[in-house]
Amino acid sequence: TMYEVMFTDYPDIVNVAQVQSMLKISRHLAYELIGDGYIPGMKIG
């Protein structure tokens, strides 16, 4: 239900800039959250 309601303007797979925009956080914090595993993601290239 939350998936259908939250962040509807974003695609199913997002990049760091989009995470920043979604959460209204800095680039540094977005990379930190992803790197520390708080927001799981994968590095491609």
All heavy atoms as atom14 arrays in JSON, in Angstrom:
{
  "sequence": "TMYEVMFTDYPDIVNVAQVQSMLKISRHLAYELIGDGYIPGMKIG",
  "atom14_mask": [
    [1, 1, 1, 1, 1, 1, 1, 0, 0, 0, 0, 0, 0, 0],
    [1, 1, 1, 1, 1, 1, 1, 1, 0, 0, 0, 0, 0, 0],
    [1, 1, 1, 1, 1, 1, 1, 1, 1, 1, 1, 1, 0, 0],
    [1, 1, 1, 1, 1, 1, 1, 1, 1, 0, 0, 0, 0, 0],
    [1, 1, 1, 1, 1, 1, 1, 0, 0, 0, 0, 0, 0, 0],
    [1, 1, 1, 1, 1, 1, 1, 1, 0, 0, 0, 0, 0, 0],
    [1, 1, 1, 1, 1, 1, 1, 1, 1, 1, 1, 0, 0, 0],
    [1, 1, 1, 1, 1, 1, 1, 0, 0, 0, 0, 0, 0, 0],
    [1, 1, 1, 1, 1, 1, 1, 1, 0, 0, 0, 0, 0, 0],
    [1, 1, 1, 1, 1, 1, 1, 1, 1, 1, 1, 1, 0, 0],
    [1, 1, 1, 1, 1, 1, 1, 0, 0, 0, 0, 0, 0, 0],
    [1, 1, 1, 1, 1, 1, 1, 1, 0, 0, 0, 0, 0, 0],
    [1, 1, 1, 1, 1, 1, 1, 1, 0, 0, 0, 0, 0, 0],
    [1, 1, 1, 1, 1, 1, 1, 0, 0, 0, 0, 0, 0, 0],
    [1, 1, 1, 1, 1, 1, 1, 1, 0, 0, 0, 0, 0, 0],
    [1, 1, 1, 1, 1, 1, 1, 0, 0, 0, 0, 0, 0, 0],
    [1, 1, 1, 1, 1, 0, 0, 0, 0, 0, 0, 0, 0, 0],
    [1, 1, 1, 1, 1, 1, 1, 1, 1, 0, 0, 0, 0, 0],
    [1, 1, 1, 1, 1, 1, 1, 0, 0, 0, 0, 0, 0, 0],
    [1, 1, 1, 1, 1, 1, 1, 1, 1, 0, 0, 0, 0, 0],
    [1, 1, 1, 1, 1, 1, 0, 0, 0, 0, 0, 0, 0, 0],
    [1, 1, 1, 1, 1, 1, 1, 1, 0, 0, 0, 0, 0, 0],
    [1, 1, 1, 1, 1, 1, 1, 1, 0, 0, 0, 0, 0, 0],
    [1, 1, 1, 1, 1, 1, 1, 1, 1, 0, 0, 0, 0, 0],
    [1, 1, 1, 1, 1, 1, 1, 1, 0, 0, 0, 0, 0, 0],
    [1, 1, 1, 1, 1, 1, 0, 0, 0, 0, 0, 0, 0, 0],
    [1, 1, 1, 1, 1, 1, 1, 1, 1, 1, 1, 0, 0, 0],
    [1, 1, 1, 1, 1, 1, 1, 1, 1, 1, 0, 0, 0, 0],
    [1, 1, 1, 1, 1, 1, 1, 1, 0, 0, 0, 0, 0, 0],
    [1, 1, 1, 1, 1, 0, 0, 0, 0, 0, 0, 0, 0, 0],
    [1, 1, 1, 1, 1, 1, 1, 1, 1, 1, 1, 1, 0, 0],
    [1, 1, 1, 1, 1, 1, 1, 1, 1, 0, 0, 0, 0, 0],
    [1, 1, 1, 1, 1, 1, 1, 1, 0, 0, 0, 0, 0, 0],
    [1, 1, 1, 1, 1, 1, 1, 1, 0, 0, 0, 0, 0, 0],
    [1, 1, 1, 1, 0, 0, 0, 0, 0, 0, 0, 0, 0, 0],
    [1, 1, 1, 1, 1, 1, 1, 1, 0, 0, 0, 0, 0, 0],
    [1, 1, 1, 1, 0, 0, 0, 0, 0, 0, 0, 0, 0, 0],
    [1, 1, 1, 1, 1, 1, 1, 1, 1, 1, 1, 1, 0, 0],
    [1, 1, 1, 1, 1, 1, 1, 1, 0, 0, 0, 0, 0, 0],
    [1, 1, 1, 1, 1, 1, 1, 0, 0, 0, 0, 0, 0, 0],
    [1, 1, 1, 1, 0, 0, 0, 0, 0, 0, 0, 0, 0, 0],
    [1, 1, 1, 1, 1, 1, 1, 1, 0, 0, 0, 0, 0, 0],
    [1, 1, 1, 1, 1, 1, 1, 1, 1, 0, 0, 0, 0, 0],
    [1, 1, 1, 1, 1, 1, 1, 1, 0, 0, 0, 0, 0, 0],
    [1, 1, 1, 1, 0, 0, 0, 0, 0, 0, 0, 0, 0, 0]
  ],
  "atom14_positions": [
    [[0.83, -1.2, 0.0], [0.0, 0.0, 0.0], [0.87, 1.25, 0.0], [0.61, 2.2, -0.76], [-0.94, -0.01, 1.22], [-1.75, -1.17, 1.18], [-1.82, 1.23, 1.25], [0.0, 0.0, 0.0], [0.0, 0.0, 0.0], [0.0, 0.0, 0.0], [0.0, 0.0, 0.0], [0.0, 0.0, 0.0], [0.0, 0.0, 0.0], [0.0, 0.0, 0.0]],
    [[1.91, 1.26, 0.83], [2.79, 2.43, 0.88], [3.53, 2.61, -0.44], [3.74, 3.74, -0.89], [3.8, 2.28, 2.03], [3.15, 2.26, 3.4], [1.98, 3.61, 3.7], [3.06, 5.0, 3.75], [0.0, 0.0, 0.0], [0.0, 0.0, 0.0], [0.0, 0.0, 0.0], [0.0, 0.0, 0.0], [0.0, 0.0, 0.0], [0.0, 0.0, 0.0]],
    [[3.89, 1.5, -1.1], [4.57, 1.57, -2.39], [3.68, 2.25, -3.44], [4.17, 2.99, -4.28], [4.95, 0.16, -2.85], [5.85, 0.15, -4.05], [7.23, 0.28, -3.9], [5.35, 0.0, -5.33], [8.06, 0.27, -5.0], [6.17, 0.0, -6.44], [7.53, 0.12, -6.26], [8.36, 0.13, -7.35], [0.0, 0.0, 0.0], [0.0, 0.0, 0.0]],
    [[2.4, 1.98, -3.35], [1.46, 2.56, -4.31], [1.19, 4.04, -4.03], [0.72, 4.76, -4.92], [0.15, 1.78, -4.3], [0.3, 0.37, -4.82], [-0.92, -0.5, -4.58], [-1.93, 0.0, -4.03], [-0.87, -1.68, -4.94], [0.0, 0.0, 0.0], [0.0, 0.0, 0.0], [0.0, 0.0, 0.0], [0.0, 0.0, 0.0], [0.0, 0.0, 0.0]],
    [[1.5, 4.5, -2.82], [1.18, 5.87, -2.42], [2.41, 6.77, -2.39], [2.35, 7.93, -2.79], [0.5, 5.86, -1.02], [0.28, 7.27, -0.52], [-0.8, 5.09, -1.08], [0.0, 0.0, 0.0], [0.0, 0.0, 0.0], [0.0, 0.0, 0.0], [0.0, 0.0, 0.0], [0.0, 0.0, 0.0], [0.0, 0.0, 0.0], [0.0, 0.0, 0.0]],
    [[3.53, 6.25, -1.94], [4.73, 7.07, -1.75], [5.59, 7.14, -3.01], [5.78, 6.15, -3.7], [5.59, 6.49, -0.6], [4.93, 6.57, 0.75], [5.95, 5.82, 2.05], [7.25, 7.04, 2.2], [0.0, 0.0, 0.0], [0.0, 0.0, 0.0], [0.0, 0.0, 0.0], [0.0, 0.0, 0.0], [0.0, 0.0, 0.0], [0.0, 0.0, 0.0]],
    [[6.11, 8.3, -3.28], [7.08, 8.53, -4.36], [6.59, 8.0, -5.71], [7.33, 7.38, -6.47], [8.43, 7.88, -4.01], [8.99, 8.3, -2.67], [9.3, 7.35, -1.71], [9.19, 9.64, -2.36], [9.82, 7.72, -0.48], [9.7, 10.02, -1.13], [10.01, 9.06, -0.19], [0.0, 0.0, 0.0], [0.0, 0.0, 0.0], [0.0, 0.0, 0.0]],
    [[5.36, 8.3, -6.03], [4.77, 7.78, -7.27], [5.39, 8.38, -8.53], [5.28, 7.79, -9.61], [3.25, 8.04, -7.29], [3.01, 9.44, -7.14], [2.55, 7.27, -6.19], [0.0, 0.0, 0.0], [0.0, 0.0, 0.0], [0.0, 0.0, 0.0], [0.0, 0.0, 0.0], [0.0, 0.0, 0.0], [0.0, 0.0, 0.0], [0.0, 0.0, 0.0]],
    [[6.06, 9.52, -8.41], [6.67, 10.15, -9.57], [8.04, 9.58, -9.91], [8.68, 10.03, -10.86], [6.82, 11.66, -9.34], [5.47, 12.35, -9.26], [4.48, 11.78, -9.74], [5.41, 13.46, -8.7], [0.0, 0.0, 0.0], [0.0, 0.0, 0.0], [0.0, 0.0, 0.0], [0.0, 0.0, 0.0], [0.0, 0.0, 0.0], [0.0, 0.0, 0.0]],
    [[8.51, 8.62, -9.13], [9.84, 8.05, -9.33], [9.74, 6.64, -9.91], [8.79, 5.91, -9.63], [10.61, 8.01, -8.01], [10.93, 9.39, -7.49], [10.06, 10.05, -6.63], [12.09, 10.04, -7.88], [10.34, 11.32, -6.16], [12.38, 11.31, -7.42], [11.51, 11.94, -6.56], [11.8, 13.21, -6.11], [0.0, 0.0, 0.0], [0.0, 0.0, 0.0]],
    [[10.76, 6.23, -10.69], [10.76, 4.88, -11.25], [11.03, 3.82, -10.16], [11.38, 4.16, -9.03], [11.9, 4.91, -12.27], [12.81, 5.98, -11.78], [11.92, 7.0, -11.1], [0.0, 0.0, 0.0], [0.0, 0.0, 0.0], [0.0, 0.0, 0.0], [0.0, 0.0, 0.0], [0.0, 0.0, 0.0], [0.0, 0.0, 0.0], [0.0, 0.0, 0.0]],
    [[10.89, 2.56, -10.52], [11.09, 1.46, -9.56], [12.54, 1.35, -9.09], [12.8, 0.91, -7.98], [10.65, 0.13, -10.17], [9.15, 0.07, -10.38], [8.41, 0.83, -9.71], [8.71, -0.74, -11.21], [0.0, 0.0, 0.0], [0.0, 0.0, 0.0], [0.0, 0.0, 0.0], [0.0, 0.0, 0.0], [0.0, 0.0, 0.0], [0.0, 0.0, 0.0]],
    [[13.47, 1.73, -9.95], [14.9, 1.74, -9.6], [15.38, 3.18, -9.73], [15.2, 3.81, -10.77], [15.72, 0.84, -10.55], [15.18, -0.58, -10.58], [17.19, 0.88, -10.17], [15.33, -1.34, -9.28], [0.0, 0.0, 0.0], [0.0, 0.0, 0.0], [0.0, 0.0, 0.0], [0.0, 0.0, 0.0], [0.0, 0.0, 0.0], [0.0, 0.0, 0.0]],
    [[15.96, 3.71, -8.64], [16.38, 5.11, -8.63], [17.88, 5.23, -8.48], [18.57, 4.29, -8.1], [15.65, 5.91, -7.51], [14.16, 5.93, -7.74], [15.98, 5.33, -6.15], [0.0, 0.0, 0.0], [0.0, 0.0, 0.0], [0.0, 0.0, 0.0], [0.0, 0.0, 0.0], [0.0, 0.0, 0.0], [0.0, 0.0, 0.0], [0.0, 0.0, 0.0]],
    [[18.4, 6.43, -8.78], [19.82, 6.7, -8.59], [20.0, 7.57, -7.34], [19.03, 7.93, -6.68], [20.41, 7.36, -9.85], [19.73, 8.66, -10.2], [19.28, 9.4, -9.32], [19.65, 8.96, -11.49], [0.0, 0.0, 0.0], [0.0, 0.0, 0.0], [0.0, 0.0, 0.0], [0.0, 0.0, 0.0], [0.0, 0.0, 0.0], [0.0, 0.0, 0.0]],
    [[21.23, 7.91, -7.05], [21.53, 8.66, -5.83], [20.87, 10.04, -5.85], [20.32, 10.48, -4.84], [23.06, 8.78, -5.61], [23.37, 9.67, -4.42], [23.67, 7.41, -5.42], [0.0, 0.0, 0.0], [0.0, 0.0, 0.0], [0.0, 0.0, 0.0], [0.0, 0.0, 0.0], [0.0, 0.0, 0.0], [0.0, 0.0, 0.0], [0.0, 0.0, 0.0]],
    [[20.89, 10.71, -6.97], [20.26, 12.03, -7.06], [18.76, 11.94, -6.76], [18.2, 12.82, -6.11], [20.49, 12.64, -8.44], [0.0, 0.0, 0.0], [0.0, 0.0, 0.0], [0.0, 0.0, 0.0], [0.0, 0.0, 0.0], [0.0, 0.0, 0.0], [0.0, 0.0, 0.0], [0.0, 0.0, 0.0], [0.0, 0.0, 0.0], [0.0, 0.0, 0.0]],
    [[18.14, 10.89, -7.22], [16.71, 10.72, -6.95], [16.46, 10.4, -5.48], [15.49, 10.88, -4.89], [16.13, 9.63, -7.86], [16.07, 10.07, -9.3], [15.79, 8.94, -10.26], [16.36, 7.85, -10.15], [14.92, 9.19, -11.23], [0.0, 0.0, 0.0], [0.0, 0.0, 0.0], [0.0, 0.0, 0.0], [0.0, 0.0, 0.0], [0.0, 0.0, 0.0]],
    [[17.35, 9.61, -4.86], [17.23, 9.35, -3.42], [17.33, 10.66, -2.66], [16.54, 10.93, -1.74], [18.31, 8.36, -2.93], [18.32, 8.26, -1.41], [18.11, 6.99, -3.55], [0.0, 0.0, 0.0], [0.0, 0.0, 0.0], [0.0, 0.0, 0.0], [0.0, 0.0, 0.0], [0.0, 0.0, 0.0], [0.0, 0.0, 0.0], [0.0, 0.0, 0.0]],
    [[18.26, 11.52, -3.06], [18.39, 12.84, -2.44], [17.08, 13.61, -2.51], [16.62, 14.18, -1.53], [19.44, 13.67, -3.18], [20.86, 13.34, -2.93], [21.72, 14.27, -3.77], [22.28, 13.84, -4.77], [21.8, 15.53, -3.38], [0.0, 0.0, 0.0], [0.0, 0.0, 0.0], [0.0, 0.0, 0.0], [0.0, 0.0, 0.0], [0.0, 0.0, 0.0]],
    [[16.5, 13.62, -3.69], [15.27, 14.36, -3.91], [14.11, 13.75, -3.12], [13.31, 14.48, -2.53], [14.95, 14.36, -5.4], [13.71, 14.96, -5.65], [0.0, 0.0, 0.0], [0.0, 0.0, 0.0], [0.0, 0.0, 0.0], [0.0, 0.0, 0.0], [0.0, 0.0, 0.0], [0.0, 0.0, 0.0], [0.0, 0.0, 0.0], [0.0, 0.0, 0.0]],
    [[14.02, 12.45, -3.09], [12.93, 11.77, -2.4], [12.96, 12.07, -0.91], [11.92, 12.32, -0.3], [13.04, 10.25, -2.62], [12.79, 9.82, -4.04], [13.37, 8.15, -4.38], [11.95, 7.2, -3.82], [0.0, 0.0, 0.0], [0.0, 0.0, 0.0], [0.0, 0.0, 0.0], [0.0, 0.0, 0.0], [0.0, 0.0, 0.0], [0.0, 0.0, 0.0]],
    [[14.16, 12.01, -0.32], [14.29, 12.16, 1.13], [14.68, 13.57, 1.56], [14.79, 13.86, 2.75], [15.32, 11.16, 1.66], [14.99, 9.69, 1.43], [16.12, 8.81, 1.95], [13.67, 9.32, 2.09], [0.0, 0.0, 0.0], [0.0, 0.0, 0.0], [0.0, 0.0, 0.0], [0.0, 0.0, 0.0], [0.0, 0.0, 0.0], [0.0, 0.0, 0.0]],
    [[14.92, 14.45, 0.59], [15.32, 15.84, 0.88], [16.59, 15.86, 1.75], [16.65, 16.5, 2.8], [14.21, 16.62, 1.59], [12.87, 16.55, 0.9], [12.88, 17.34, -0.38], [11.48, 17.45, -0.93], [11.24, 16.75, -2.16], [0.0, 0.0, 0.0], [0.0, 0.0, 0.0], [0.0, 0.0, 0.0], [0.0, 0.0, 0.0], [0.0, 0.0, 0.0]],
    [[17.62, 15.12, 1.27], [18.88, 15.03, 2.0], [20.03, 15.43, 1.08], [19.85, 15.55, -0.13], [19.12, 13.6, 2.55], [19.13, 12.57, 1.42], [18.08, 13.26, 3.61], [19.48, 11.16, 1.86], [0.0, 0.0, 0.0], [0.0, 0.0, 0.0], [0.0, 0.0, 0.0], [0.0, 0.0, 0.0], [0.0, 0.0, 0.0], [0.0, 0.0, 0.0]],
    [[21.19, 15.61, 1.67], [22.36, 15.99, 0.88], [22.92, 14.78, 0.12], [22.63, 13.63, 0.44], [23.46, 16.53, 1.8], [24.01, 15.48, 2.59], [0.0, 0.0, 0.0], [0.0, 0.0, 0.0], [0.0, 0.0, 0.0], [0.0, 0.0, 0.0], [0.0, 0.0, 0.0], [0.0, 0.0, 0.0], [0.0, 0.0, 0.0], [0.0, 0.0, 0.0]],
    [[23.72, 15.07, -0.86], [24.38, 14.02, -1.64], [25.27, 13.18, -0.75], [25.27, 11.95, -0.84], [25.19, 14.68, -2.76], [25.92, 13.73, -3.62], [26.64, 14.47, -4.73], [27.63, 13.59, -5.31], [28.6, 13.98, -6.08], [28.7, 15.25, -6.39], [29.46, 13.13, -6.56], [0.0, 0.0, 0.0], [0.0, 0.0, 0.0], [0.0, 0.0, 0.0]],
    [[26.0, 13.84, 0.12], [26.89, 13.13, 1.05], [26.12, 12.15, 1.93], [26.52, 10.99, 2.08], [27.66, 14.14, 1.91], [28.55, 13.51, 2.92], [29.76, 12.96, 2.6], [28.38, 13.32, 4.25], [30.31, 12.44, 3.7], [29.48, 12.66, 4.71], [0.0, 0.0, 0.0], [0.0, 0.0, 0.0], [0.0, 0.0, 0.0], [0.0, 0.0, 0.0]],
    [[25.01, 12.59, 2.49], [24.21, 11.73, 3.35], [23.6, 10.57, 2.55], [23.55, 9.44, 3.04], [23.11, 12.52, 4.06], [22.23, 11.71, 5.02], [23.06, 10.98, 6.07], [21.21, 12.62, 5.68], [0.0, 0.0, 0.0], [0.0, 0.0, 0.0], [0.0, 0.0, 0.0], [0.0, 0.0, 0.0], [0.0, 0.0, 0.0], [0.0, 0.0, 0.0]],
    [[23.17, 10.83, 1.33], [22.61, 9.76, 0.5], [23.65, 8.67, 0.27], [23.37, 7.48, 0.46], [22.13, 10.33, -0.83], [0.0, 0.0, 0.0], [0.0, 0.0, 0.0], [0.0, 0.0, 0.0], [0.0, 0.0, 0.0], [0.0, 0.0, 0.0], [0.0, 0.0, 0.0], [0.0, 0.0, 0.0], [0.0, 0.0, 0.0], [0.0, 0.0, 0.0]],
    [[24.87, 9.06, -0.1], [25.94, 8.08, -0.29], [26.27, 7.35, 1.01], [26.54, 6.14, 1.01], [27.21, 8.75, -0.84], [27.19, 8.89, -2.34], [27.02, 10.14, -2.93], [27.33, 7.79, -3.17], [27.0, 10.28, -4.31], [27.31, 7.91, -4.55], [27.16, 9.16, -5.12], [27.13, 9.29, -6.48], [0.0, 0.0, 0.0], [0.0, 0.0, 0.0]],
    [[26.25, 8.06, 2.12], [26.54, 7.45, 3.41], [25.47, 6.39, 3.77], [25.8, 5.29, 4.2], [26.6, 8.52, 4.49], [27.11, 8.03, 5.82], [27.29, 9.17, 6.8], [27.92, 10.19, 6.43], [26.79, 9.04, 7.93], [0.0, 0.0, 0.0], [0.0, 0.0, 0.0], [0.0, 0.0, 0.0], [0.0, 0.0, 0.0], [0.0, 0.0, 0.0]],
    [[24.2, 6.73, 3.6], [23.11, 5.8, 3.91], [23.17, 4.56, 3.02], [22.94, 3.44, 3.49], [21.76, 6.48, 3.76], [21.44, 7.57, 4.78], [20.15, 8.29, 4.41], [21.33, 6.98, 6.18], [0.0, 0.0, 0.0], [0.0, 0.0, 0.0], [0.0, 0.0, 0.0], [0.0, 0.0, 0.0], [0.0, 0.0, 0.0], [0.0, 0.0, 0.0]],
    [[23.5, 4.75, 1.77], [23.61, 3.62, 0.84], [24.85, 2.78, 1.16], [24.78, 1.56, 1.26], [23.62, 4.11, -0.61], [22.28, 4.77, -0.95], [23.92, 2.96, -1.58], [22.31, 5.63, -2.19], [0.0, 0.0, 0.0], [0.0, 0.0, 0.0], [0.0, 0.0, 0.0], [0.0, 0.0, 0.0], [0.0, 0.0, 0.0], [0.0, 0.0, 0.0]],
    [[25.97, 3.46, 1.35], [27.23, 2.76, 1.64], [27.21, 1.99, 2.94], [27.8, 0.9, 3.04], [0.0, 0.0, 0.0], [0.0, 0.0, 0.0], [0.0, 0.0, 0.0], [0.0, 0.0, 0.0], [0.0, 0.0, 0.0], [0.0, 0.0, 0.0], [0.0, 0.0, 0.0], [0.0, 0.0, 0.0], [0.0, 0.0, 0.0], [0.0, 0.0, 0.0]],
    [[26.52, 2.52, 3.94], [26.44, 1.86, 5.25], [25.34, 0.8, 5.3], [25.16, 0.14, 6.31], [26.21, 2.88, 6.36], [27.43, 3.76, 6.6], [28.52, 3.43, 6.09], [27.29, 4.79, 7.29], [0.0, 0.0, 0.0], [0.0, 0.0, 0.0], [0.0, 0.0, 0.0], [0.0, 0.0, 0.0], [0.0, 0.0, 0.0], [0.0, 0.0, 0.0]],
    [[24.56, 0.69, 4.23], [23.54, -0.35, 4.15], [22.19, 0.01, 4.75], [21.3, -0.84, 4.82], [0.0, 0.0, 0.0], [0.0, 0.0, 0.0], [0.0, 0.0, 0.0], [0.0, 0.0, 0.0], [0.0, 0.0, 0.0], [0.0, 0.0, 0.0], [0.0, 0.0, 0.0], [0.0, 0.0, 0.0], [0.0, 0.0, 0.0], [0.0, 0.0, 0.0]],
    [[22.02, 1.25, 5.17], [20.71, 1.66, 5.68], [19.67, 1.67, 4.56], [18.5, 1.38, 4.79], [20.78, 3.04, 6.33], [21.55, 3.06, 7.61], [22.84, 3.57, 7.66], [21.0, 2.54, 8.78], [23.56, 3.57, 8.84], [21.71, 2.54, 9.97], [22.99, 3.06, 9.99], [23.7, 3.04, 11.16], [0.0, 0.0, 0.0], [0.0, 0.0, 0.0]],
    [[20.12, 2.02, 3.36], [19.29, 1.93, 2.17], [20.04, 0.99, 1.22], [20.99, 1.4, 0.56], [19.08, 3.31, 1.51], [18.43, 4.29, 2.48], [18.22, 3.16, 0.26], [18.28, 5.7, 1.95], [0.0, 0.0, 0.0], [0.0, 0.0, 0.0], [0.0, 0.0, 0.0], [0.0, 0.0, 0.0], [0.0, 0.0, 0.0], [0.0, 0.0, 0.0]],
    [[19.62, -0.27, 1.17], [20.32, -1.23, 0.3], [20.2, -0.86, -1.18], [19.13, -0.49, -1.66], [19.62, -2.55, 0.59], [18.96, -2.37, 1.92], [18.6, -0.92, 1.98], [0.0, 0.0, 0.0], [0.0, 0.0, 0.0], [0.0, 0.0, 0.0], [0.0, 0.0, 0.0], [0.0, 0.0, 0.0], [0.0, 0.0, 0.0], [0.0, 0.0, 0.0]],
    [[21.33, -0.95, -1.85], [21.37, -0.7, -3.28], [22.5, -1.5, -3.88], [23.19, -2.24, -3.18], [0.0, 0.0, 0.0], [0.0, 0.0, 0.0], [0.0, 0.0, 0.0], [0.0, 0.0, 0.0], [0.0, 0.0, 0.0], [0.0, 0.0, 0.0], [0.0, 0.0, 0.0], [0.0, 0.0, 0.0], [0.0, 0.0, 0.0], [0.0, 0.0, 0.0]],
    [[22.71, -1.38, -5.18], [23.79, -2.09, -5.82], [24.58, -1.13, -6.69], [24.03, -0.18, -7.24], [23.26, -3.25, -6.64], [22.31, -2.85, -7.74], [21.29, -4.19, -8.32], [19.92, -4.06, -7.19], [0.0, 0.0, 0.0], [0.0, 0.0, 0.0], [0.0, 0.0, 0.0], [0.0, 0.0, 0.0], [0.0, 0.0, 0.0], [0.0, 0.0, 0.0]],
    [[25.87, -1.38, -6.74], [26.72, -0.54, -7.57], [26.91, -1.24, -8.9], [27.35, -2.38, -8.97], [28.06, -0.31, -6.89], [28.86, 0.79, -7.52], [29.98, 1.25, -6.64], [30.6, 2.49, -7.23], [31.65, 3.02, -6.39], [0.0, 0.0, 0.0], [0.0, 0.0, 0.0], [0.0, 0.0, 0.0], [0.0, 0.0, 0.0], [0.0, 0.0, 0.0]],
    [[26.54, -0.55, -9.95], [26.7, -1.06, -11.3], [27.65, -0.12, -12.02], [27.32, 1.05, -12.24], [25.34, -1.14, -12.04], [24.4, -2.07, -11.26], [25.53, -1.59, -13.48], [23.0, -2.13, -11.79], [0.0, 0.0, 0.0], [0.0, 0.0, 0.0], [0.0, 0.0, 0.0], [0.0, 0.0, 0.0], [0.0, 0.0, 0.0], [0.0, 0.0, 0.0]],
    [[28.82, -0.61, -12.31], [29.87, 0.25, -12.86], [30.3, 1.22, -11.77], [30.69, 0.81, -10.69], [0.0, 0.0, 0.0], [0.0, 0.0, 0.0], [0.0, 0.0, 0.0], [0.0, 0.0, 0.0], [0.0, 0.0, 0.0], [0.0, 0.0, 0.0], [0.0, 0.0, 0.0], [0.0, 0.0, 0.0], [0.0, 0.0, 0.0], [0.0, 0.0, 0.0]]
  ]
}
